[in-house]
Amino acid sequence: MEQVSASAIDVNAEHIKTFKDFLLSYNKLSEMCFVDCVSDFTSRSVKPYEEKCVLNCTEKYLKMNQRISQRFQEFQMVANENTLATQKPS
């Protein structure tokens, strides 16, 4: 039996965590847009206004998520710079 290195296990665990995070986000988006946009259950087809609503909802959610990620990265960079500045000897 082949032994798996600890770094390979860590990489696998990180991939699994990333995939789980993606699925949670996808499910949240799906539920939120479905609840907000789908109201007519009298037919099997998706109505044009429902489709437009879902597209708008998805676009808005993704843009919001991207903006939050950018702000978080900016915050992390400032925090790291502040940490480095306090660690430098005077």
PDB file of N, CA and C in Angstrom:
ATOM      1  N   MET A   1       0.846  -1.189   0.000  1.00  0.00           N
ATOM      2  CA  MET A   1       0.000   0.000   0.000  1.00  0.00           C
ATOM      3  C   MET A   1       0.884   1.243   0.000  1.00  0.00           C
ATOM      4  N   GLU A   2       0.551   2.182  -0.824  1.00  0.00           N
ATOM      5  CA  GLU A   2       1.332   3.406  -0.969  1.00  0.00           C
ATOM      6  C   GLU A   2       0.967   4.401   0.131  1.00  0.00           C
ATOM      7  N   GLN A   3       1.994   5.001   0.731  1.00  0.00           N
ATOM      8  CA  GLN A   3       1.748   6.005   1.757  1.00  0.00           C
ATOM      9  C   GLN A   3       1.519   7.365   1.100  1.00  0.00           C
ATOM     10  N   VAL A   4       0.596   8.112   1.656  1.00  0.00           N
ATOM     11  CA  VAL A   4       0.277   9.438   1.150  1.00  0.00           C
ATOM     12  C   VAL A   4       0.927  10.460   2.070  1.00  0.00           C
ATOM     13  N   SER A   5       1.587  11.440   1.474  1.00  0.00           N
ATOM     14  CA  SER A   5       2.279  12.438   2.287  1.00  0.00           C
ATOM     15  C   SER A   5       1.277  13.348   2.988  1.00  0.00           C
ATOM     16  N   ALA A   6       1.751  13.957   4.067  1.00  0.00           N
ATOM     17  CA  ALA A   6       0.898  14.868   4.837  1.00  0.00           C
ATOM     18  C   ALA A   6       0.506  16.075   3.994  1.00  0.00           C
ATOM     19  N   SER A   7       1.410  16.546   3.139  1.00  0.00           N
ATOM     20  CA  SER A   7       1.086  17.711   2.308  1.00  0.00           C
ATOM     21  C   SER A   7       0.003  17.361   1.286  1.00  0.00           C
ATOM     22  N   ALA A   8       0.019  16.141   0.767  1.00  0.00           N
ATOM     23  CA  ALA A   8      -1.026  15.716  -0.177  1.00  0.00           C
ATOM     24  C   ALA A   8      -2.372  15.649   0.536  1.00  0.00           C
ATOM     25  N   ILE A   9      -2.376  15.189   1.759  1.00  0.00           N
ATOM     26  CA  ILE A   9      -3.616  15.134   2.545  1.00  0.00           C
ATOM     27  C   ILE A   9      -4.124  16.537   2.814  1.00  0.00           C
ATOM     28  N   ASP A  10      -3.208  17.464   3.161  1.00  0.00           N
ATOM     29  CA  ASP A  10      -3.595  18.855   3.399  1.00  0.00           C
ATOM     30  C   ASP A  10      -4.192  19.486   2.145  1.00  0.00           C
ATOM     31  N   VAL A  11      -3.578  19.219   0.993  1.00  0.00           N
ATOM     32  CA  VAL A  11      -4.082  19.762  -0.268  1.00  0.00           C
ATOM     33  C   VAL A  11      -5.464  19.191  -0.558  1.00  0.00           C
ATOM     34  N   ASN A  12      -5.630  17.886  -0.352  1.00  0.00           N
ATOM     35  CA  ASN A  12      -6.939  17.255  -0.552  1.00  0.00           C
ATOM     36  C   ASN A  12      -7.995  17.864   0.369  1.00  0.00           C
ATOM     37  N   ALA A  13      -7.648  18.054   1.627  1.00  0.00           N
ATOM     38  CA  ALA A  13      -8.582  18.632   2.590  1.00  0.00           C
ATOM     39  C   ALA A  13      -8.959  20.054   2.179  1.00  0.00           C
ATOM     40  N   GLU A  14      -7.994  20.812   1.670  1.00  0.00           N
ATOM     41  CA  GLU A  14      -8.269  22.179   1.222  1.00  0.00           C
ATOM     42  C   GLU A  14      -9.193  22.181   0.007  1.00  0.00           C
ATOM     43  N   HIS A  15      -8.971  21.242  -0.921  1.00  0.00           N
ATOM     44  CA  HIS A  15      -9.847  21.126  -2.090  1.00  0.00           C
ATOM     45  C   HIS A  15     -11.270  20.774  -1.669  1.00  0.00           C
ATOM     46  N   ILE A  16     -11.410  19.877  -0.734  1.00  0.00           N
ATOM     47  CA  ILE A  16     -12.728  19.472  -0.243  1.00  0.00           C
ATOM     48  C   ILE A  16     -13.421  20.652   0.435  1.00  0.00           C
ATOM     49  N   LYS A  17     -12.677  21.391   1.260  1.00  0.00           N
ATOM     50  CA  LYS A  17     -13.245  22.566   1.931  1.00  0.00           C
ATOM     51  C   LYS A  17     -13.692  23.607   0.910  1.00  0.00           C
ATOM     52  N   THR A  18     -12.872  23.859  -0.103  1.00  0.00           N
ATOM     53  CA  THR A  18     -13.218  24.825  -1.145  1.00  0.00           C
ATOM     54  C   THR A  18     -14.483  24.390  -1.877  1.00  0.00           C
ATOM     55  N   PHE A  19     -14.579  23.108  -2.194  1.00  0.00           N
ATOM     56  CA  PHE A  19     -15.760  22.597  -2.888  1.00  0.00           C
ATOM     57  C   PHE A  19     -17.005  22.702  -2.009  1.00  0.00           C
ATOM     58  N   LYS A  20     -16.874  22.391  -0.729  1.00  0.00           N
ATOM     59  CA  LYS A  20     -18.006  22.515   0.197  1.00  0.00           C
ATOM     60  C   LYS A  20     -18.465  23.968   0.289  1.00  0.00           C
ATOM     61  N   ASP A  21     -17.499  24.895   0.379  1.00  0.00           N
ATOM     62  CA  ASP A  21     -17.840  26.321   0.423  1.00  0.00           C
ATOM     63  C   ASP A  21     -18.578  26.744  -0.842  1.00  0.00           C
ATOM     64  N   PHE A  22     -18.098  26.267  -1.998  1.00  0.00           N
ATOM     65  CA  PHE A  22     -18.767  26.572  -3.262  1.00  0.00           C
ATOM     66  C   PHE A  22     -20.200  26.043  -3.253  1.00  0.00           C
ATOM     67  N   LEU A  23     -20.381  24.808  -2.827  1.00  0.00           N
ATOM     68  CA  LEU A  23     -21.726  24.225  -2.807  1.00  0.00           C
ATOM     69  C   LEU A  23     -22.658  24.968  -1.855  1.00  0.00           C
ATOM     70  N   LEU A  24     -22.150  25.374  -0.705  1.00  0.00           N
ATOM     71  CA  LEU A  24     -22.969  26.141   0.232  1.00  0.00           C
ATOM     72  C   LEU A  24     -23.403  27.461  -0.393  1.00  0.00           C
ATOM     73  N   SER A  25     -22.475  28.136  -1.043  1.00  0.00           N
ATOM     74  CA  SER A  25     -22.775  29.409  -1.692  1.00  0.00           C
ATOM     75  C   SER A  25     -23.772  29.207  -2.832  1.00  0.00           C
ATOM     76  N   TYR A  26     -23.553  28.194  -3.636  1.00  0.00           N
ATOM     77  CA  TYR A  26     -24.444  27.891  -4.760  1.00  0.00           C
ATOM     78  C   TYR A  26     -25.859  27.582  -4.262  1.00  0.00           C
ATOM     79  N   ASN A  27     -25.956  26.773  -3.226  1.00  0.00           N
ATOM     80  CA  ASN A  27     -27.272  26.411  -2.678  1.00  0.00           C
ATOM     81  C   ASN A  27     -27.981  27.628  -2.090  1.00  0.00           C
ATOM     82  N   LYS A  28     -27.226  28.489  -1.415  1.00  0.00           N
ATOM     83  CA  LYS A  28     -27.806  29.701  -0.850  1.00  0.00           C
ATOM     84  C   LYS A  28     -28.339  30.596  -1.968  1.00  0.00           C
ATOM     85  N   LEU A  29     -27.536  30.772  -3.010  1.00  0.00           N
ATOM     86  CA  LEU A  29     -27.947  31.581  -4.155  1.00  0.00           C
ATOM     87  C   LEU A  29     -29.185  30.992  -4.814  1.00  0.00           C
ATOM     88  N   SER A  30     -29.181  29.696  -5.051  1.00  0.00           N
ATOM     89  CA  SER A  30     -30.321  29.033  -5.695  1.00  0.00           C
ATOM     90  C   SER A  30     -31.601  29.217  -4.896  1.00  0.00           C
ATOM     91  N   GLU A  31     -31.520  28.991  -3.612  1.00  0.00           N
ATOM     92  CA  GLU A  31     -32.716  29.114  -2.767  1.00  0.00           C
ATOM     93  C   GLU A  31     -33.203  30.558  -2.720  1.00  0.00           C
ATOM     94  N   MET A  32     -32.278  31.491  -2.529  1.00  0.00           N
ATOM     95  CA  MET A  32     -32.650  32.893  -2.415  1.00  0.00           C
ATOM     96  C   MET A  32     -33.338  33.388  -3.700  1.00  0.00           C
ATOM     97  N   CYS A  33     -32.732  33.103  -4.849  1.00  0.00           N
ATOM     98  CA  CYS A  33     -33.306  33.576  -6.115  1.00  0.00           C
ATOM     99  C   CYS A  33     -34.606  32.838  -6.446  1.00  0.00           C
ATOM    100  N   PHE A  34     -34.687  31.571  -6.108  1.00  0.00           N
ATOM    101  CA  PHE A  34     -35.920  30.818  -6.348  1.00  0.00           C
ATOM    102  C   PHE A  34     -37.069  31.416  -5.532  1.00  0.00           C
ATOM    103  N   VAL A  35     -36.826  31.641  -4.264  1.00  0.00           N
ATOM    104  CA  VAL A  35     -37.869  32.184  -3.392  1.00  0.00           C
ATOM    105  C   VAL A  35     -38.299  33.573  -3.863  1.00  0.00           C
ATOM    106  N   ASP A  36     -37.324  34.395  -4.289  1.00  0.00           N
ATOM    107  CA  ASP A  36     -37.637  35.762  -4.717  1.00  0.00           C
ATOM    108  C   ASP A  36     -38.311  35.827  -6.086  1.00  0.00           C
ATOM    109  N   CYS A  37     -38.003  34.891  -6.978  1.00  0.00           N
ATOM    110  CA  CYS A  37     -38.395  35.056  -8.378  1.00  0.00           C
ATOM    111  C   CYS A  37     -39.470  34.106  -8.886  1.00  0.00           C
ATOM    112  N   VAL A  38     -39.584  32.947  -8.316  1.00  0.00           N
ATOM    113  CA  VAL A  38     -40.523  31.960  -8.860  1.00  0.00           C
ATOM    114  C   VAL A  38     -41.800  31.986  -8.024  1.00  0.00           C
ATOM    115  N   SER A  39     -42.884  32.340  -8.708  1.00  0.00           N
ATOM    116  CA  SER A  39     -44.155  32.456  -7.981  1.00  0.00           C
ATOM    117  C   SER A  39     -45.306  31.737  -8.676  1.00  0.00           C
ATOM    118  N   ASP A  40     -45.097  31.357  -9.921  1.00  0.00           N
ATOM    119  CA  ASP A  40     -46.169  30.730 -10.692  1.00  0.00           C
ATOM    120  C   ASP A  40     -45.877  29.240 -10.877  1.00  0.00           C
ATOM    121  N   PHE A  41     -46.648  28.420 -10.183  1.00  0.00           N
ATOM    122  CA  PHE A  41     -46.452  26.976 -10.263  1.00  0.00           C
ATOM    123  C   PHE A  41     -47.549  26.300 -11.080  1.00  0.00           C
ATOM    124  N   THR A  42     -48.251  27.079 -11.911  1.00  0.00           N
ATOM    125  CA  THR A  42     -49.340  26.525 -12.705  1.00  0.00           C
ATOM    126  C   THR A  42     -48.864  25.896 -14.002  1.00  0.00           C
ATOM    127  N   SER A  43     -47.589  26.092 -14.338  1.00  0.00           N
ATOM    128  CA  SER A  43     -47.064  25.512 -15.561  1.00  0.00           C
ATOM    129  C   SER A  43     -45.654  24.988 -15.305  1.00  0.00           C
ATOM    130  N   ARG A  44     -45.222  24.068 -16.160  1.00  0.00           N
ATOM    131  CA  ARG A  44     -43.886  23.491 -15.996  1.00  0.00           C
ATOM    132  C   ARG A  44     -42.805  24.411 -16.554  1.00  0.00           C
ATOM    133  N   SER A  45     -43.197  25.310 -17.425  1.00  0.00           N
ATOM    134  CA  SER A  45     -42.216  26.182 -18.069  1.00  0.00           C
ATOM    135  C   SER A  45     -41.889  27.384 -17.184  1.00  0.00           C
ATOM    136  N   VAL A  46     -40.703  27.886 -17.393  1.00  0.00           N
ATOM    137  CA  VAL A  46     -40.264  29.074 -16.670  1.00  0.00           C
ATOM    138  C   VAL A  46     -40.753  30.295 -17.448  1.00  0.00           C
ATOM    139  N   LYS A  47     -41.435  31.170 -16.758  1.00  0.00           N
ATOM    140  CA  LYS A  47     -41.976  32.376 -17.400  1.00  0.00           C
ATOM    141  C   LYS A  47     -40.836  33.361 -17.690  1.00  0.00           C
ATOM    142  N   PRO A  48     -40.981  34.163 -18.723  1.00  0.00           N
ATOM    143  CA  PRO A  48     -39.920  35.132 -19.067  1.00  0.00           C
ATOM    144  C   PRO A  48     -39.566  36.076 -17.913  1.00  0.00           C
ATOM    145  N   TYR A  49     -40.569  36.554 -17.165  1.00  0.00           N
ATOM    146  CA  TYR A  49     -40.269  37.456 -16.054  1.00  0.00           C
ATOM    147  C   TYR A  49     -39.523  36.732 -14.927  1.00  0.00           C
ATOM    148  N   GLU A  50     -39.812  35.439 -14.742  1.00  0.00           N
ATOM    149  CA  GLU A  50     -39.085  34.666 -13.738  1.00  0.00           C
ATOM    150  C   GLU A  50     -37.626  34.476 -14.152  1.00  0.00           C
ATOM    151  N   GLU A  51     -37.430  34.172 -15.423  1.00  0.00           N
ATOM    152  CA  GLU A  51     -36.074  33.989 -15.930  1.00  0.00           C
ATOM    153  C   GLU A  51     -35.269  35.279 -15.788  1.00  0.00           C
ATOM    154  N   LYS A  52     -35.879  36.407 -16.141  1.00  0.00           N
ATOM    155  CA  LYS A  52     -35.194  37.700 -16.024  1.00  0.00           C
ATOM    156  C   LYS A  52     -34.864  37.999 -14.564  1.00  0.00           C
ATOM    157  N   CYS A  53     -35.808  37.740 -13.694  1.00  0.00           N
ATOM    158  CA  CYS A  53     -35.598  37.964 -12.263  1.00  0.00           C
ATOM    159  C   CYS A  53     -34.441  37.124 -11.739  1.00  0.00           C
ATOM    160  N   VAL A  54     -34.406  35.851 -12.106  1.00  0.00           N
ATOM    161  CA  VAL A  54     -33.339  34.962 -11.646  1.00  0.00           C
ATOM    162  C   VAL A  54     -31.983  35.423 -12.173  1.00  0.00           C
ATOM    163  N   LEU A  55     -31.935  35.836 -13.440  1.00  0.00           N
ATOM    164  CA  LEU A  55     -30.680  36.342 -14.005  1.00  0.00           C
ATOM    165  C   LEU A  55     -30.206  37.592 -13.260  1.00  0.00           C
ATOM    166  N   ASN A  56     -31.132  38.517 -12.989  1.00  0.00           N
ATOM    167  CA  ASN A  56     -30.779  39.730 -12.242  1.00  0.00           C
ATOM    168  C   ASN A  56     -30.331  39.402 -10.817  1.00  0.00           C
ATOM    169  N   CYS A  57     -31.049  38.502 -10.193  1.00  0.00           N
ATOM    170  CA  CYS A  57     -30.722  38.088  -8.824  1.00  0.00           C
ATOM    171  C   CYS A  57     -29.329  37.464  -8.773  1.00  0.00           C
ATOM    172  N   THR A  58     -29.047  36.587  -9.705  1.00  0.00           N
ATOM    173  CA  THR A  58     -27.756  35.913  -9.748  1.00  0.00           C
ATOM    174  C   THR A  58     -26.635  36.906 -10.002  1.00  0.00           C
ATOM    175  N   GLU A  59     -26.845  37.798 -10.957  1.00  0.00           N
ATOM    176  CA  GLU A  59     -25.817  38.791 -11.277  1.00  0.00           C
ATOM    177  C   GLU A  59     -25.530  39.684 -10.071  1.00  0.00           C
ATOM    178  N   LYS A  60     -26.574  40.131  -9.412  1.00  0.00           N
ATOM    179  CA  LYS A  60     -26.410  40.996  -8.243  1.00  0.00           C
ATOM    180  C   LYS A  60     -25.677  40.255  -7.121  1.00  0.00           C
ATOM    181  N   TYR A  61     -26.054  39.018  -6.877  1.00  0.00           N
ATOM    182  CA  TYR A  61     -25.412  38.220  -5.829  1.00  0.00           C
ATOM    183  C   TYR A  61     -23.924  38.031  -6.127  1.00  0.00           C
ATOM    184  N   LEU A  62     -23.607  37.694  -7.378  1.00  0.00           N
ATOM    185  CA  LEU A  62     -22.208  37.457  -7.739  1.00  0.00           C
ATOM    186  C   LEU A  62     -21.375  38.739  -7.658  1.00  0.00           C
ATOM    187  N   LYS A  63     -21.949  39.850  -8.096  1.00  0.00           N
ATOM    188  CA  LYS A  63     -21.239  41.127  -7.987  1.00  0.00           C
ATOM    189  C   LYS A  63     -21.010  41.503  -6.523  1.00  0.00           C
ATOM    190  N   MET A  64     -22.025  41.285  -5.701  1.00  0.00           N
ATOM    191  CA  MET A  64     -21.895  41.573  -4.275  1.00  0.00           C
ATOM    192  C   MET A  64     -20.827  40.695  -3.647  1.00  0.00           C
ATOM    193  N   ASN A  65     -20.825  39.424  -3.993  1.00  0.00           N
ATOM    194  CA  ASN A  65     -19.841  38.492  -3.459  1.00  0.00           C
ATOM    195  C   ASN A  65     -18.427  38.893  -3.886  1.00  0.00           C
ATOM    196  N   GLN A  66     -18.273  39.297  -5.137  1.00  0.00           N
ATOM    197  CA  GLN A  66     -16.975  39.733  -5.647  1.00  0.00           C
ATOM    198  C   GLN A  66     -16.508  40.987  -4.910  1.00  0.00           C
ATOM    199  N   ARG A  67     -17.413  41.923  -4.699  1.00  0.00           N
ATOM    200  CA  ARG A  67     -17.045  43.167  -4.015  1.00  0.00           C
ATOM    201  C   ARG A  67     -16.630  42.909  -2.569  1.00  0.00           C
ATOM    202  N   ILE A  68     -17.359  42.039  -1.903  1.00  0.00           N
ATOM    203  CA  ILE A  68     -17.006  41.690  -0.520  1.00  0.00           C
ATOM    204  C   ILE A  68     -15.624  41.030  -0.487  1.00  0.00           C
ATOM    205  N   SER A  69     -15.355  40.145  -1.435  1.00  0.00           N
ATOM    206  CA  SER A  69     -14.046  39.483  -1.498  1.00  0.00           C
ATOM    207  C   SER A  69     -12.930  40.499  -1.716  1.00  0.00           C
ATOM    208  N   GLN A  70     -13.155  41.466  -2.595  1.00  0.00           N
ATOM    209  CA  GLN A  70     -12.153  42.500  -2.840  1.00  0.00           C
ATOM    210  C   GLN A  70     -11.893  43.314  -1.580  1.00  0.00           C
ATOM    211  N   ARG A  71     -12.950  43.701  -0.906  1.00  0.00           N
ATOM    212  CA  ARG A  71     -12.793  44.494   0.327  1.00  0.00           C
ATOM    213  C   ARG A  71     -12.068  43.683   1.400  1.00  0.00           C
ATOM    214  N   PHE A  72     -12.390  42.419   1.495  1.00  0.00           N
ATOM    215  CA  PHE A  72     -11.725  41.570   2.473  1.00  0.00           C
ATOM    216  C   PHE A  72     -10.233  41.476   2.170  1.00  0.00           C
ATOM    217  N   GLN A  73      -9.877  41.309   0.883  1.00  0.00           N
ATOM    218  CA  GLN A  73      -8.470  41.253   0.502  1.00  0.00           C
ATOM    219  C   GLN A  73      -7.760  42.560   0.834  1.00  0.00           C
ATOM    220  N   GLU A  74      -8.414  43.689   0.558  1.00  0.00           N
ATOM    221  CA  GLU A  74      -7.832  44.983   0.897  1.00  0.00           C
ATOM    222  C   GLU A  74      -7.621  45.097   2.405  1.00  0.00           C
ATOM    223  N   PHE A  75      -8.604  44.678   3.174  1.00  0.00           N
ATOM    224  CA  PHE A  75      -8.501  44.720   4.632  1.00  0.00           C
ATOM    225  C   PHE A  75      -7.345  43.848   5.115  1.00  0.00           C
ATOM    226  N   GLN A  76      -7.224  42.654   4.538  1.00  0.00           N
ATOM    227  CA  GLN A  76      -6.137  41.741   4.914  1.00  0.00           C
ATOM    228  C   GLN A  76      -4.772  42.340   4.596  1.00  0.00           C
ATOM    229  N   MET A  77      -4.651  43.003   3.424  1.00  0.00           N
ATOM    230  CA  MET A  77      -3.379  43.620   3.054  1.00  0.00           C
ATOM    231  C   MET A  77      -2.997  44.713   4.043  1.00  0.00           C
ATOM    232  N   VAL A  78      -3.941  45.557   4.422  1.00  0.00           N
ATOM    233  CA  VAL A  78      -3.682  46.625   5.385  1.00  0.00           C
ATOM    234  C   VAL A  78      -3.312  46.025   6.740  1.00  0.00           C
ATOM    235  N   ALA A  79      -4.033  45.007   7.154  1.00  0.00           N
ATOM    236  CA  ALA A  79      -3.740  44.358   8.439  1.00  0.00           C
ATOM    237  C   ALA A  79      -2.342  43.748   8.424  1.00  0.00           C
ATOM    238  N   ASN A  80      -1.972  43.102   7.317  1.00  0.00           N
ATOM    239  CA  ASN A  80      -0.630  42.513   7.209  1.00  0.00           C
ATOM    240  C   ASN A  80       0.446  43.593   7.222  1.00  0.00           C
ATOM    241  N   GLU A  81       0.208  44.697   6.518  1.00  0.00           N
ATOM    242  CA  GLU A  81       1.168  45.806   6.525  1.00  0.00           C
ATOM    243  C   GLU A  81       1.328  46.383   7.917  1.00  0.00           C
ATOM    244  N   ASN A  82       0.226  46.533   8.638  1.00  0.00           N
ATOM    245  CA  ASN A  82       0.288  47.046  10.013  1.00  0.00           C
ATOM    246  C   ASN A  82       1.042  46.098  10.930  1.00  0.00           C
ATOM    247  N   THR A  83       0.823  44.815  10.751  1.00  0.00           N
ATOM    248  CA  THR A  83       1.530  43.814  11.559  1.00  0.00           C
ATOM    249  C   THR A  83       3.024  43.867  11.285  1.00  0.00           C
ATOM    250  N   LEU A  84       3.393  43.952  10.018  1.00  0.00           N
ATOM    251  CA  LEU A  84       4.812  44.043   9.658  1.00  0.00           C
ATOM    252  C   LEU A  84       5.430  45.317  10.194  1.00  0.00           C
ATOM    253  N   ALA A  85       4.703  46.418  10.145  1.00  0.00           N
ATOM    254  CA  ALA A  85       5.219  47.694  10.628  1.00  0.00           C
ATOM    255  C   ALA A  85       5.470  47.664  12.131  1.00  0.00           C
ATOM    256  N   THR A  86       4.625  46.975  12.869  1.00  0.00           N
ATOM    257  CA  THR A  86       4.808  46.904  14.327  1.00  0.00           C
ATOM    258  C   THR A  86       5.914  45.931  14.708  1.00  0.00           C
ATOM    259  N   GLN A  87       6.254  45.013  13.812  1.00  0.00           N
ATOM    260  CA  GLN A  87       7.301  44.025  14.101  1.00  0.00           C
ATOM    261  C   GLN A  87       8.693  44.531  13.769  1.00  0.00           C
ATOM    262  N   LYS A  88       8.801  45.563  12.940  1.00  0.00           N
ATOM    263  CA  LYS A  88      10.109  46.091  12.557  1.00  0.00           C
ATOM    264  C   LYS A  88      10.759  46.780  13.756  1.00  0.00           C
ATOM    265  N   PRO A  89      12.056  46.492  13.944  1.00  0.00           N
ATOM    266  CA  PRO A  89      12.746  47.184  15.031  1.00  0.00           C
ATOM    267  C   PRO A  89      12.937  48.671  14.695  1.00  0.00           C
ATOM    268  N   SER A  90      12.793  49.501  15.684  1.00  0.00           N
ATOM    269  CA  SER A  90      12.921  50.948  15.462  1.00  0.00           C
ATOM    270  C   SER A  90      14.337  51.412  15.474  1.00  0.00           C
TER     271      SER A  90
END
